N, C-alpha and C. Protein backbone atom coordinates (compact mmCIF):
# COMPACT_ATOMS: atom_id res chain seq x y z
N MET A 1 0.84 -1.19 0.00
CA MET A 1 0.00 0.00 0.00
C MET A 1 0.88 1.24 0.00
N ASP A 2 0.55 2.19 -0.82
CA ASP A 2 1.27 3.45 -0.93
C ASP A 2 1.02 4.28 0.33
N MET A 3 2.06 4.90 0.90
CA MET A 3 1.94 5.71 2.11
C MET A 3 0.99 6.88 1.91
N SER A 4 0.84 7.37 0.68
CA SER A 4 -0.06 8.49 0.43
C SER A 4 -1.53 8.09 0.59
N GLU A 5 -1.79 6.78 0.54
CA GLU A 5 -3.17 6.32 0.70
C GLU A 5 -3.57 6.19 2.16
N GLU A 6 -2.60 6.20 3.09
CA GLU A 6 -2.92 6.09 4.50
C GLU A 6 -3.49 7.40 5.01
N THR A 7 -4.59 7.30 5.70
CA THR A 7 -5.18 8.48 6.32
C THR A 7 -5.58 8.14 7.74
N ALA A 8 -5.58 9.12 8.59
CA ALA A 8 -6.00 8.91 9.98
C ALA A 8 -7.51 8.78 10.03
N THR A 9 -7.99 7.90 10.88
CA THR A 9 -9.42 7.73 11.05
C THR A 9 -9.92 8.85 11.95
N PRO A 10 -10.91 9.61 11.53
CA PRO A 10 -11.43 10.68 12.38
C PRO A 10 -12.12 10.11 13.62
N ILE A 11 -12.07 10.84 14.72
CA ILE A 11 -12.71 10.41 15.96
C ILE A 11 -14.20 10.17 15.74
N ALA A 12 -14.84 10.99 14.93
CA ALA A 12 -16.27 10.88 14.71
C ALA A 12 -16.66 9.56 14.08
N ALA A 13 -15.71 8.84 13.50
CA ALA A 13 -16.03 7.55 12.88
C ALA A 13 -16.50 6.53 13.91
N GLU A 14 -16.12 6.72 15.18
CA GLU A 14 -16.51 5.80 16.24
C GLU A 14 -17.92 6.09 16.74
N GLY A 15 -18.52 7.14 16.34
CA GLY A 15 -19.84 7.53 16.79
C GLY A 15 -20.16 8.91 16.27
N THR A 16 -21.17 9.49 16.80
CA THR A 16 -21.54 10.83 16.39
C THR A 16 -21.41 11.78 17.57
N TYR A 17 -21.41 13.05 17.27
CA TYR A 17 -21.27 14.07 18.29
C TYR A 17 -22.42 15.06 18.22
N SER A 18 -22.80 15.58 19.38
CA SER A 18 -23.68 16.74 19.44
C SER A 18 -22.83 17.83 20.11
N THR A 19 -23.38 19.00 20.29
CA THR A 19 -22.63 20.07 20.93
C THR A 19 -23.37 20.58 22.15
N TYR A 20 -22.61 21.21 23.02
CA TYR A 20 -23.16 21.82 24.24
C TYR A 20 -22.47 23.15 24.44
N LEU A 21 -23.25 24.21 24.66
CA LEU A 21 -22.71 25.53 24.92
C LEU A 21 -22.56 25.69 26.43
N VAL A 22 -21.33 25.89 26.88
CA VAL A 22 -21.03 25.98 28.31
C VAL A 22 -21.64 27.25 28.89
N GLN A 23 -22.33 27.08 30.01
CA GLN A 23 -22.97 28.19 30.72
C GLN A 23 -22.13 28.56 31.94
N LYS A 24 -22.34 29.77 32.45
CA LYS A 24 -21.64 30.22 33.65
C LYS A 24 -21.97 29.24 34.79
N GLY A 25 -20.95 28.81 35.51
CA GLY A 25 -21.13 27.89 36.63
C GLY A 25 -21.05 26.41 36.26
N ASP A 26 -21.00 26.10 34.96
CA ASP A 26 -20.90 24.71 34.53
C ASP A 26 -19.52 24.12 34.85
N SER A 27 -19.51 22.83 35.07
CA SER A 27 -18.26 22.06 35.17
C SER A 27 -18.47 20.82 34.31
N LEU A 28 -17.40 20.13 33.99
CA LEU A 28 -17.56 18.89 33.23
C LEU A 28 -18.44 17.91 34.00
N TRP A 29 -18.28 17.88 35.31
CA TRP A 29 -19.07 17.02 36.19
C TRP A 29 -20.56 17.36 36.07
N SER A 30 -20.90 18.65 36.17
CA SER A 30 -22.32 19.05 36.12
C SER A 30 -22.92 18.87 34.73
N ILE A 31 -22.12 19.07 33.69
CA ILE A 31 -22.61 18.87 32.33
C ILE A 31 -22.91 17.39 32.10
N ALA A 32 -21.98 16.51 32.49
CA ALA A 32 -22.18 15.07 32.32
C ALA A 32 -23.40 14.58 33.08
N ALA A 33 -23.72 15.20 34.21
CA ALA A 33 -24.85 14.78 35.04
C ALA A 33 -26.19 15.14 34.43
N LYS A 34 -26.23 16.07 33.50
CA LYS A 34 -27.50 16.47 32.89
C LYS A 34 -28.13 15.28 32.18
N PRO A 35 -29.45 15.07 32.38
CA PRO A 35 -30.11 13.92 31.76
C PRO A 35 -29.98 13.89 30.24
N GLU A 36 -29.95 15.05 29.61
CA GLU A 36 -29.85 15.09 28.15
C GLU A 36 -28.42 14.87 27.65
N ILE A 37 -27.45 14.87 28.57
CA ILE A 37 -26.06 14.60 28.19
C ILE A 37 -25.78 13.12 28.46
N TYR A 38 -25.36 12.77 29.68
CA TYR A 38 -25.12 11.36 30.03
C TYR A 38 -25.95 10.91 31.23
N GLY A 39 -26.45 11.86 32.01
CA GLY A 39 -27.25 11.50 33.19
C GLY A 39 -26.42 10.93 34.32
N LYS A 40 -25.12 11.07 34.22
CA LYS A 40 -24.23 10.52 35.24
C LYS A 40 -22.96 11.37 35.30
N ALA A 41 -22.75 12.03 36.43
CA ALA A 41 -21.64 12.96 36.57
C ALA A 41 -20.28 12.31 36.37
N THR A 42 -20.14 11.05 36.73
CA THR A 42 -18.84 10.38 36.62
C THR A 42 -18.42 10.16 35.17
N GLN A 43 -19.29 10.47 34.22
CA GLN A 43 -18.95 10.35 32.80
C GLN A 43 -18.26 11.61 32.27
N TRP A 44 -17.85 12.53 33.14
CA TRP A 44 -17.23 13.79 32.73
C TRP A 44 -15.97 13.55 31.88
N ARG A 45 -15.28 12.45 32.11
CA ARG A 45 -14.06 12.18 31.33
C ARG A 45 -14.35 12.00 29.85
N ARG A 46 -15.54 11.48 29.51
CA ARG A 46 -15.91 11.33 28.10
C ARG A 46 -15.93 12.70 27.41
N ILE A 47 -16.47 13.70 28.11
CA ILE A 47 -16.53 15.06 27.56
C ILE A 47 -15.11 15.61 27.45
N PHE A 48 -14.32 15.42 28.49
CA PHE A 48 -12.94 15.91 28.49
C PHE A 48 -12.14 15.31 27.34
N GLU A 49 -12.22 14.00 27.16
CA GLU A 49 -11.47 13.33 26.09
C GLU A 49 -11.93 13.78 24.70
N ALA A 50 -13.21 14.03 24.52
CA ALA A 50 -13.73 14.46 23.22
C ALA A 50 -13.32 15.90 22.89
N ASN A 51 -12.84 16.63 23.90
CA ASN A 51 -12.51 18.05 23.72
C ASN A 51 -11.08 18.37 24.12
N ARG A 52 -10.19 17.39 24.00
CA ARG A 52 -8.79 17.60 24.38
C ARG A 52 -8.13 18.71 23.56
N ASP A 53 -8.65 18.99 22.38
CA ASP A 53 -8.08 20.08 21.58
C ASP A 53 -8.40 21.44 22.17
N LEU A 54 -9.49 21.53 22.95
CA LEU A 54 -9.89 22.78 23.60
C LEU A 54 -9.43 22.86 25.05
N LEU A 55 -9.41 21.72 25.71
CA LEU A 55 -9.13 21.67 27.14
C LEU A 55 -7.85 20.89 27.41
N LYS A 56 -6.86 21.56 27.94
CA LYS A 56 -5.63 20.88 28.33
C LYS A 56 -5.78 20.25 29.71
N SER A 57 -6.70 20.78 30.51
CA SER A 57 -7.04 20.20 31.81
C SER A 57 -8.53 20.46 32.05
N PRO A 58 -9.17 19.65 32.89
CA PRO A 58 -10.61 19.79 33.12
C PRO A 58 -11.04 21.13 33.71
N ASP A 59 -10.14 21.82 34.38
CA ASP A 59 -10.51 23.09 35.01
C ASP A 59 -10.39 24.29 34.07
N GLN A 60 -10.13 24.07 32.79
CA GLN A 60 -10.04 25.16 31.83
C GLN A 60 -11.37 25.49 31.17
N LEU A 61 -12.45 24.92 31.64
CA LEU A 61 -13.78 25.14 31.08
C LEU A 61 -14.20 26.60 31.31
N ARG A 62 -14.70 27.24 30.27
CA ARG A 62 -15.13 28.63 30.36
C ARG A 62 -16.51 28.79 29.71
N ALA A 63 -17.33 29.68 30.28
CA ALA A 63 -18.64 29.99 29.71
C ALA A 63 -18.45 30.47 28.27
N GLY A 64 -19.34 30.00 27.38
CA GLY A 64 -19.28 30.39 25.99
C GLY A 64 -18.58 29.37 25.09
N MET A 65 -17.84 28.43 25.68
CA MET A 65 -17.18 27.39 24.88
C MET A 65 -18.23 26.44 24.32
N THR A 66 -17.99 25.91 23.15
CA THR A 66 -18.86 24.90 22.57
C THR A 66 -18.11 23.57 22.64
N LEU A 67 -18.69 22.64 23.40
CA LEU A 67 -18.07 21.33 23.59
C LEU A 67 -18.72 20.28 22.70
N ARG A 68 -17.93 19.31 22.27
CA ARG A 68 -18.45 18.15 21.56
C ARG A 68 -18.87 17.13 22.61
N ILE A 69 -20.05 16.55 22.42
CA ILE A 69 -20.56 15.50 23.30
C ILE A 69 -20.66 14.23 22.48
N HIS A 70 -19.87 13.22 22.84
CA HIS A 70 -19.85 11.98 22.09
C HIS A 70 -21.17 11.23 22.28
N ARG A 71 -21.76 10.83 21.20
CA ARG A 71 -22.99 10.03 21.20
C ARG A 71 -22.67 8.71 20.53
N THR A 72 -23.14 7.62 21.10
CA THR A 72 -22.91 6.32 20.49
C THR A 72 -23.89 6.14 19.35
N GLU A 73 -23.59 5.18 18.49
CA GLU A 73 -24.47 4.90 17.36
C GLU A 73 -25.87 4.52 17.82
N GLN A 74 -25.96 3.72 18.88
CA GLN A 74 -27.26 3.27 19.37
C GLN A 74 -27.54 3.89 20.71
N GLN A 75 -28.56 4.70 20.79
CA GLN A 75 -29.01 5.26 22.05
C GLN A 75 -30.13 4.37 22.58
N PRO A 76 -30.19 4.09 23.88
CA PRO A 76 -31.26 3.25 24.40
C PRO A 76 -32.61 3.95 24.23
N SER A 77 -33.62 3.17 23.93
CA SER A 77 -34.96 3.75 23.79
C SER A 77 -35.53 4.01 25.17
N ASP A 78 -36.59 4.81 25.23
CA ASP A 78 -37.22 5.13 26.51
C ASP A 78 -37.79 3.90 27.19
N SER A 79 -38.16 2.88 26.43
CA SER A 79 -38.75 1.69 27.01
C SER A 79 -37.72 0.72 27.56
N GLU A 80 -36.45 0.85 27.14
CA GLU A 80 -35.40 -0.04 27.62
C GLU A 80 -34.80 0.52 28.90
N PRO A 81 -34.59 -0.33 29.92
CA PRO A 81 -33.94 0.16 31.14
C PRO A 81 -32.48 0.47 30.86
N LEU A 82 -31.97 1.53 31.45
CA LEU A 82 -30.57 1.89 31.28
C LEU A 82 -29.72 1.08 32.24
N THR A 83 -28.64 0.53 31.77
CA THR A 83 -27.72 -0.22 32.61
C THR A 83 -26.34 0.38 32.41
N TYR A 84 -25.65 0.62 33.50
CA TYR A 84 -24.30 1.13 33.40
C TYR A 84 -23.47 0.55 34.53
N SER A 85 -22.18 0.58 34.34
CA SER A 85 -21.28 -0.01 35.31
C SER A 85 -20.25 1.02 35.74
N ASP A 86 -19.92 1.01 37.02
CA ASP A 86 -18.93 1.92 37.53
C ASP A 86 -18.07 1.18 38.57
N GLU A 87 -16.84 0.89 38.18
CA GLU A 87 -15.91 0.21 39.07
C GLU A 87 -16.47 -1.08 39.64
N ASP A 88 -16.81 -1.99 38.77
CA ASP A 88 -17.29 -3.32 39.13
C ASP A 88 -18.63 -3.36 39.86
N VAL A 89 -19.39 -2.28 39.82
CA VAL A 89 -20.74 -2.26 40.40
C VAL A 89 -21.69 -1.90 39.26
N SER A 90 -22.69 -2.72 39.03
CA SER A 90 -23.66 -2.47 37.96
C SER A 90 -24.93 -1.89 38.56
N TYR A 91 -25.53 -0.98 37.82
CA TYR A 91 -26.75 -0.33 38.24
C TYR A 91 -27.78 -0.41 37.14
N ARG A 92 -29.04 -0.38 37.49
CA ARG A 92 -30.13 -0.29 36.52
C ARG A 92 -30.99 0.88 36.91
N LYS A 93 -31.38 1.64 35.93
CA LYS A 93 -32.29 2.76 36.17
C LYS A 93 -33.68 2.34 35.83
């Protein structure tokens, strides 16, 4: 294979993204906790990792920034119970 044919796979290829406009008083923790985002504050690292080009550390969040929010290909439907795991403990909503 010719080296010119090699291209980097974009991050978005693993899923899709939506955006969130940071409000005064927001933190990655509080944004992740919002039901329309992840509904779980401990998922703040997902937001941080998706925005490493904007944020060198989690405390650099500023009002007015537009963050990418990673969305998976399949979102659970309202009729399906949500299941998530955190450090070897599973929960159902």
